[in-house]
Amino acid sequence: MVEFGTLVCLIMVIAQTWKKLGLNADLIPLLNVIIGLILSLIFFGELEFLYRLKQGLMIGLSATGTYDIGKCFKKM
């Protein structure tokens, strides 16, 4: 099974790539949650469905929070 933190980092890399390609920065949190849901359905296949959805939401929201904190430090 893939580690939680690894998926958060993977989502952040994907989000930064989409941002560099011209995606509106306001859509990044939504993109993070969607990617988190997709990755949790792929990588946590042995768990029950609702638990995988919950994990996906946590992964996506964690990546969003980390993205927002990084953006805040960048402004400082």
Protein backbone atom coordinates (compact mmCIF):
# COMPACT_ATOMS: atom_id res chain seq x y z
CA MET A 1 0.00 0.00 0.00
CA VAL A 2 1.20 3.51 -0.77
CA GLU A 3 1.87 5.88 2.12
CA PHE A 4 -0.53 8.74 2.83
CA GLY A 5 2.23 11.37 2.66
CA THR A 6 3.48 10.06 -0.66
CA LEU A 7 0.06 10.55 -2.23
CA VAL A 8 -0.17 14.08 -0.79
CA CYS A 9 3.19 14.95 -2.38
CA LEU A 10 2.13 13.37 -5.67
CA ILE A 11 -1.04 15.46 -5.73
CA MET A 12 0.92 18.62 -5.00
CA VAL A 13 3.26 17.89 -7.93
CA ILE A 14 0.31 17.29 -10.25
CA ALA A 15 -1.39 20.49 -9.07
CA GLN A 16 1.76 22.55 -9.59
CA THR A 17 2.15 21.11 -13.07
CA TRP A 18 -1.43 22.03 -13.99
CA LYS A 19 -0.87 25.51 -12.52
CA LYS A 20 2.25 25.99 -14.67
CA LEU A 21 0.22 24.90 -17.72
CA GLY A 22 -2.25 27.73 -17.11
CA LEU A 23 -4.98 26.33 -14.86
CA ASN A 24 -6.58 29.01 -12.71
CA ALA A 25 -5.08 28.90 -9.21
CA ASP A 26 -8.58 29.09 -7.70
CA LEU A 27 -9.34 25.64 -9.15
CA ILE A 28 -6.31 23.95 -7.56
CA PRO A 29 -8.13 22.91 -4.33
CA LEU A 30 -10.92 21.28 -6.34
CA LEU A 31 -8.36 19.53 -8.53
CA ASN A 32 -6.54 18.26 -5.41
CA VAL A 33 -9.69 16.73 -3.96
CA ILE A 34 -10.67 15.08 -7.25
CA ILE A 35 -7.19 13.63 -7.72
CA GLY A 36 -7.16 12.48 -4.08
CA LEU A 37 -10.42 10.60 -4.62
CA ILE A 38 -9.15 8.98 -7.81
CA LEU A 39 -5.83 7.94 -6.28
CA SER A 40 -7.48 6.51 -3.18
CA LEU A 41 -9.79 4.39 -5.34
CA ILE A 42 -6.74 3.09 -7.22
CA PHE A 43 -4.23 2.54 -4.41
CA PHE A 44 -6.49 1.52 -1.51
CA GLY A 45 -8.31 -1.25 -3.38
CA GLU A 46 -8.35 -3.70 -0.49
CA LEU A 47 -10.37 -1.36 1.75
CA GLU A 48 -14.14 -0.89 1.61
CA PHE A 49 -15.50 1.77 -0.74
CA LEU A 50 -16.66 4.41 1.77
CA TYR A 51 -13.37 4.17 3.65
CA ARG A 52 -11.49 4.75 0.37
CA LEU A 53 -13.62 7.82 -0.34
CA LYS A 54 -12.88 9.18 3.12
CA GLN A 55 -9.16 8.57 2.62
CA GLY A 56 -9.31 10.31 -0.76
CA LEU A 57 -10.96 13.37 0.73
CA MET A 58 -8.36 13.51 3.48
CA ILE A 59 -5.51 13.17 0.99
CA GLY A 60 -6.91 15.86 -1.32
CA LEU A 61 -7.67 18.28 1.50
CA SER A 62 -4.23 17.67 3.03
CA ALA A 63 -2.59 18.49 -0.29
CA THR A 64 -4.73 21.64 -0.53
CA GLY A 65 -3.75 22.75 2.96
CA THR A 66 -0.08 22.13 2.25
CA TYR A 67 -0.42 24.02 -1.03
CA ASP A 68 -2.04 27.00 0.73
CA ILE A 69 0.61 27.06 3.48
CA GLY A 70 3.37 26.98 0.86
CA LYS A 71 1.70 29.82 -1.01
CA CYS A 72 1.53 31.83 2.22
CA PHE A 73 5.24 31.38 2.92
CA LYS A 74 6.05 32.28 -0.67
CA LYS A 75 4.30 35.66 -0.19
CA MET A 76 6.32 36.33 2.96
